Amino acid sequence: MSLIMIILAVAGGALLSIQAAINGQLGSKVGVFRSAFLTFSVGALVTALLIVFFEPKQALTLFDVPKWQLIGALFGVPYIVIMVLAVQRIGTAVATVAVIFGQLTMSMLIDNFGWLNNPVISFSPTRLAAVVCLGIALYFIYSGSVSANTTGETDGSTANAPR
């Protein structure tokens, strides 16, 4: 079951990269906030349909849970807005790896300290090495983007040129 969840998470990550690339293009044409609004509107509609047809009954409702747990819904807005802006300026690959670097770093802090009522999973040398490797990957992906754009290896478009 863990392998299936890892595969699904990788697929989810792939879909987020596709979404970022599409939203970056859409945002440059209609505006960052309109692009974000479309994302959340369609997402809310699809999620509502999933709830109606597939969500099993839960013991608690959104009104019953601790109120601090509801703030998680707010964190999607800055993510979408930041990605729409970032993809236009630094490209999908750099923006995505930067987001994953931030996610990995924060998630390891949450795990290590058990923040937000999560189980404690302590730092280890291998987990620290993963963050360092991803930081190095971010550096190489970004520097590769910069050098590709300065040597003319692109299609001539500056829409995704790092600035």
C-alpha atoms as a PDB file:
ATOM      1  CA  MET A   1       0.000   0.000   0.000  1.00  0.00           C
ATOM      2  CA  SER A   2       2.879   2.401   0.714  1.00  0.00           C
ATOM      3  CA  LEU A   3       4.217   1.931  -2.815  1.00  0.00           C
ATOM      4  CA  ILE A   4       0.799   2.756  -4.261  1.00  0.00           C
ATOM      5  CA  MET A   5       0.643   5.929  -2.150  1.00  0.00           C
ATOM      6  CA  ILE A   6       4.136   6.932  -3.313  1.00  0.00           C
ATOM      7  CA  ILE A   7       3.146   6.368  -6.950  1.00  0.00           C
ATOM      8  CA  LEU A   8      -0.038   8.399  -6.442  1.00  0.00           C
ATOM      9  CA  ALA A   9       1.961  11.198  -4.780  1.00  0.00           C
ATOM     10  CA  VAL A  10       4.418  11.247  -7.708  1.00  0.00           C
ATOM     11  CA  ALA A  11       1.453  11.400 -10.111  1.00  0.00           C
ATOM     12  CA  GLY A  12      -0.014  14.253  -8.049  1.00  0.00           C
ATOM     13  CA  GLY A  13       3.294  16.087  -8.294  1.00  0.00           C
ATOM     14  CA  ALA A  14       3.332  15.593 -12.059  1.00  0.00           C
ATOM     15  CA  LEU A  15      -0.183  17.011 -12.280  1.00  0.00           C
ATOM     16  CA  LEU A  16       0.876  20.041 -10.201  1.00  0.00           C
ATOM     17  CA  SER A  17       3.694  20.735 -12.670  1.00  0.00           C
ATOM     18  CA  ILE A  18       1.268  20.540 -15.578  1.00  0.00           C
ATOM     19  CA  GLN A  19      -1.121  22.821 -13.690  1.00  0.00           C
ATOM     20  CA  ALA A  20       1.704  25.292 -12.984  1.00  0.00           C
ATOM     21  CA  ALA A  21       2.725  25.431 -16.648  1.00  0.00           C
ATOM     22  CA  ILE A  22      -0.861  25.931 -17.812  1.00  0.00           C
ATOM     23  CA  ASN A  23      -1.651  28.497 -15.102  1.00  0.00           C
ATOM     24  CA  GLY A  24       1.547  30.395 -15.889  1.00  0.00           C
ATOM     25  CA  GLN A  25       0.429  30.779 -19.497  1.00  0.00           C
ATOM     26  CA  LEU A  26      -3.145  31.606 -18.507  1.00  0.00           C
ATOM     27  CA  GLY A  27      -1.981  34.111 -15.897  1.00  0.00           C
ATOM     28  CA  SER A  28       0.158  35.961 -18.425  1.00  0.00           C
ATOM     29  CA  LYS A  29      -2.908  36.365 -20.657  1.00  0.00           C
ATOM     30  CA  VAL A  30      -5.783  37.033 -18.236  1.00  0.00           C
ATOM     31  CA  GLY A  31      -4.018  37.981 -14.999  1.00  0.00           C
ATOM     32  CA  VAL A  32      -2.626  36.144 -12.014  1.00  0.00           C
ATOM     33  CA  PHE A  33      -5.694  36.471  -9.807  1.00  0.00           C
ATOM     34  CA  ARG A  34      -8.149  35.485 -12.532  1.00  0.00           C
ATOM     35  CA  SER A  35      -6.068  32.386 -13.192  1.00  0.00           C
ATOM     36  CA  ALA A  36      -6.059  31.569  -9.473  1.00  0.00           C
ATOM     37  CA  PHE A  37      -9.804  32.206  -9.271  1.00  0.00           C
ATOM     38  CA  LEU A  38     -10.449  29.783 -12.121  1.00  0.00           C
ATOM     39  CA  THR A  39      -8.294  27.151 -10.419  1.00  0.00           C
ATOM     40  CA  PHE A  40     -10.180  27.425  -7.154  1.00  0.00           C
ATOM     41  CA  SER A  41     -13.622  27.718  -8.751  1.00  0.00           C
ATOM     42  CA  VAL A  42     -13.223  24.614 -10.892  1.00  0.00           C
ATOM     43  CA  GLY A  43     -11.522  22.828  -7.993  1.00  0.00           C
ATOM     44  CA  ALA A  44     -14.409  23.691  -5.661  1.00  0.00           C
ATOM     45  CA  LEU A  45     -16.964  22.459  -8.180  1.00  0.00           C
ATOM     46  CA  VAL A  46     -15.153  19.162  -8.809  1.00  0.00           C
ATOM     47  CA  THR A  47     -14.581  18.648  -5.086  1.00  0.00           C
ATOM     48  CA  ALA A  48     -18.243  19.345  -4.325  1.00  0.00           C
ATOM     49  CA  LEU A  49     -19.240  16.667  -6.832  1.00  0.00           C
ATOM     50  CA  LEU A  50     -16.765  14.221  -5.294  1.00  0.00           C
ATOM     51  CA  ILE A  51     -18.194  14.922  -1.836  1.00  0.00           C
ATOM     52  CA  VAL A  52     -21.767  14.416  -2.992  1.00  0.00           C
ATOM     53  CA  PHE A  53     -21.106  11.171  -4.839  1.00  0.00           C
ATOM     54  CA  PHE A  54     -18.143   9.535  -3.074  1.00  0.00           C
ATOM     55  CA  GLU A  55     -17.425  10.965   0.410  1.00  0.00           C
ATOM     56  CA  PRO A  56     -18.480   8.588   3.188  1.00  0.00           C
ATOM     57  CA  LYS A  57     -20.188  10.041   6.246  1.00  0.00           C
ATOM     58  CA  GLN A  58     -17.740  11.422   8.803  1.00  0.00           C
ATOM     59  CA  ALA A  59     -18.134  11.602  12.568  1.00  0.00           C
ATOM     60  CA  LEU A  60     -17.310  15.337  12.556  1.00  0.00           C
ATOM     61  CA  THR A  61     -18.211  18.224  10.277  1.00  0.00           C
ATOM     62  CA  LEU A  62     -16.124  21.251   9.403  1.00  0.00           C
ATOM     63  CA  PHE A  63     -17.985  23.078  12.179  1.00  0.00           C
ATOM     64  CA  ASP A  64     -16.893  20.518  14.785  1.00  0.00           C
ATOM     65  CA  VAL A  65     -13.123  20.364  14.229  1.00  0.00           C
ATOM     66  CA  PRO A  66     -10.637  22.628  16.030  1.00  0.00           C
ATOM     67  CA  LYS A  67     -10.764  25.981  14.243  1.00  0.00           C
ATOM     68  CA  TRP A  68      -6.991  26.151  13.714  1.00  0.00           C
ATOM     69  CA  GLN A  69      -7.327  23.178  11.344  1.00  0.00           C
ATOM     70  CA  LEU A  70      -9.423  25.270   8.983  1.00  0.00           C
ATOM     71  CA  ILE A  71      -6.571  27.681   8.195  1.00  0.00           C
ATOM     72  CA  GLY A  72      -4.935  25.034   6.031  1.00  0.00           C
ATOM     73  CA  ALA A  73      -7.422  25.988   3.327  1.00  0.00           C
ATOM     74  CA  LEU A  74      -5.837  29.437   3.124  1.00  0.00           C
ATOM     75  CA  PHE A  75      -2.412  28.128   2.166  1.00  0.00           C
ATOM     76  CA  GLY A  76      -3.477  27.054  -1.318  1.00  0.00           C
ATOM     77  CA  VAL A  77      -4.093  30.643  -2.421  1.00  0.00           C
ATOM     78  CA  PRO A  78      -0.523  31.908  -1.989  1.00  0.00           C
ATOM     79  CA  TYR A  79       0.800  28.699  -3.567  1.00  0.00           C
ATOM     80  CA  ILE A  80      -1.264  29.138  -6.736  1.00  0.00           C
ATOM     81  CA  VAL A  81      -0.558  32.876  -7.009  1.00  0.00           C
ATOM     82  CA  ILE A  82       3.173  32.377  -6.415  1.00  0.00           C
ATOM     83  CA  MET A  83       3.366  29.586  -8.980  1.00  0.00           C
ATOM     84  CA  VAL A  84       1.513  31.583 -11.634  1.00  0.00           C
ATOM     85  CA  LEU A  85       3.967  34.454 -11.115  1.00  0.00           C
ATOM     86  CA  ALA A  86       7.069  32.288 -10.782  1.00  0.00           C
ATOM     87  CA  VAL A  87       6.461  30.066 -13.814  1.00  0.00           C
ATOM     88  CA  GLN A  88       6.185  33.162 -16.012  1.00  0.00           C
ATOM     89  CA  ARG A  89       9.576  34.395 -14.808  1.00  0.00           C
ATOM     90  CA  ILE A  90      11.731  31.374 -13.997  1.00  0.00           C
ATOM     91  CA  GLY A  91      10.017  28.524 -15.835  1.00  0.00           C
ATOM     92  CA  THR A  92       8.093  25.488 -14.688  1.00  0.00           C
ATOM     93  CA  ALA A  93      11.075  23.317 -13.725  1.00  0.00           C
ATOM     94  CA  VAL A  94      12.805  25.865 -11.494  1.00  0.00           C
ATOM     95  CA  ALA A  95       9.549  26.971  -9.869  1.00  0.00           C
ATOM     96  CA  THR A  96       8.483  23.387  -9.222  1.00  0.00           C
ATOM     97  CA  VAL A  97      11.811  22.303  -7.735  1.00  0.00           C
ATOM     98  CA  ALA A  98      11.875  25.435  -5.576  1.00  0.00           C
ATOM     99  CA  VAL A  99       8.385  24.609  -4.280  1.00  0.00           C
ATOM    100  CA  ILE A 100       9.387  21.009  -3.599  1.00  0.00           C
ATOM    101  CA  PHE A 101      12.516  22.239  -1.780  1.00  0.00           C
ATOM    102  CA  GLY A 102      10.319  24.444   0.427  1.00  0.00           C
ATOM    103  CA  GLN A 103       7.835  21.614   0.960  1.00  0.00           C
ATOM    104  CA  LEU A 104      10.522  19.117   1.869  1.00  0.00           C
ATOM    105  CA  THR A 105      12.294  21.478   4.239  1.00  0.00           C
ATOM    106  CA  MET A 106       9.106  22.487   6.063  1.00  0.00           C
ATOM    107  CA  SER A 107       7.714  18.948   6.135  1.00  0.00           C
ATOM    108  CA  MET A 108      10.908  17.665   7.736  1.00  0.00           C
ATOM    109  CA  LEU A 109      10.670  20.376  10.392  1.00  0.00           C
ATOM    110  CA  ILE A 110       7.020  19.443  10.999  1.00  0.00           C
ATOM    111  CA  ASP A 111       8.005  15.762  11.263  1.00  0.00           C
ATOM    112  CA  ASN A 112      10.991  16.389  13.505  1.00  0.00           C
ATOM    113  CA  PHE A 113       9.154  18.563  16.007  1.00  0.00           C
ATOM    114  CA  GLY A 114       5.714  16.953  15.678  1.00  0.00           C
ATOM    115  CA  TRP A 115       4.161  20.325  14.859  1.00  0.00           C
ATOM    116  CA  LEU A 116       0.436  20.553  14.091  1.00  0.00           C
ATOM    117  CA  ASN A 117      -0.296  17.326  16.003  1.00  0.00           C
ATOM    118  CA  ASN A 118       1.707  15.172  13.584  1.00  0.00           C
ATOM    119  CA  PRO A 119       3.741  12.170  14.703  1.00  0.00           C
ATOM    120  CA  VAL A 120       7.421  12.830  15.425  1.00  0.00           C
ATOM    121  CA  ILE A 121       9.828  11.490  12.816  1.00  0.00           C
ATOM    122  CA  SER A 122      13.301  12.617  13.790  1.00  0.00           C
ATOM    123  CA  PHE A 123      15.927  14.070  11.480  1.00  0.00           C
ATOM    124  CA  SER A 124      18.367  11.521  10.192  1.00  0.00           C
ATOM    125  CA  PRO A 125      21.498  11.830   8.078  1.00  0.00           C
ATOM    126  CA  THR A 126      19.681  10.365   5.076  1.00  0.00           C
ATOM    127  CA  ARG A 127      16.764  12.804   5.397  1.00  0.00           C
ATOM    128  CA  LEU A 128      19.184  15.715   5.725  1.00  0.00           C
ATOM    129  CA  ALA A 129      21.103  14.443   2.684  1.00  0.00           C
ATOM    130  CA  ALA A 130      17.862  14.436   0.696  1.00  0.00           C
ATOM    131  CA  VAL A 131      17.282  18.130   1.439  1.00  0.00           C
ATOM    132  CA  VAL A 132      20.881  18.972   0.544  1.00  0.00           C
ATOM    133  CA  CYS A 133      20.632  16.989  -2.714  1.00  0.00           C
ATOM    134  CA  LEU A 134      17.417  18.758  -3.638  1.00  0.00           C
ATOM    135  CA  GLY A 135      19.035  22.130  -2.885  1.00  0.00           C
ATOM    136  CA  ILE A 136      21.917  21.183  -5.184  1.00  0.00           C
ATOM    137  CA  ALA A 137      19.415  20.043  -7.833  1.00  0.00           C
ATOM    138  CA  LEU A 138      17.631  23.397  -7.567  1.00  0.00           C
ATOM    139  CA  TYR A 139      20.944  25.201  -8.101  1.00  0.00           C
ATOM    140  CA  PHE A 140      21.808  23.117 -11.174  1.00  0.00           C
ATOM    141  CA  ILE A 141      18.324  23.339 -12.698  1.00  0.00           C
ATOM    142  CA  TYR A 142      18.285  27.112 -12.221  1.00  0.00           C
ATOM    143  CA  SER A 143      21.827  27.636 -13.505  1.00  0.00           C
ATOM    144  CA  GLY A 144      21.050  25.364 -16.460  1.00  0.00           C
ATOM    145  CA  SER A 145      18.026  27.526 -17.258  1.00  0.00           C
ATOM    146  CA  VAL A 146      20.088  30.693 -17.080  1.00  0.00           C
ATOM    147  CA  SER A 147      22.852  29.311 -19.287  1.00  0.00           C
ATOM    148  CA  ALA A 148      20.332  27.878 -21.793  1.00  0.00           C
ATOM    149  CA  ASN A 149      18.708  31.299 -22.123  1.00  0.00           C
ATOM    150  CA  THR A 150      22.002  33.178 -22.452  1.00  0.00           C
ATOM    151  CA  THR A 151      23.400  30.811 -25.095  1.00  0.00           C
ATOM    152  CA  GLY A 152      20.257  30.905 -27.228  1.00  0.00           C
ATOM    153  CA  GLU A 153      19.191  27.309 -26.640  1.00  0.00           C
ATOM    154  CA  THR A 154      15.558  28.335 -26.345  1.00  0.00           C
ATOM    155  CA  ASP A 155      12.957  28.774 -29.045  1.00  0.00           C
ATOM    156  CA  GLY A 156      13.516  32.512 -28.950  1.00  0.00           C
ATOM    157  CA  SER A 157      10.695  33.108 -26.498  1.00  0.00           C
ATOM    158  CA  THR A 158      11.465  35.081 -23.357  1.00  0.00           C
ATOM    159  CA  ALA A 159       8.229  34.120 -21.614  1.00  0.00           C
ATOM    160  CA  ASN A 160       9.992  31.605 -19.383  1.00  0.00           C
ATOM    161  CA  ALA A 161      13.382  33.271 -19.208  1.00  0.00           C
ATOM    162  CA  PRO A 162      14.808  33.553 -15.677  1.00  0.00           C
ATOM    163  CA  ARG A 163      15.162  37.135 -14.540  1.00  0.00           C
END
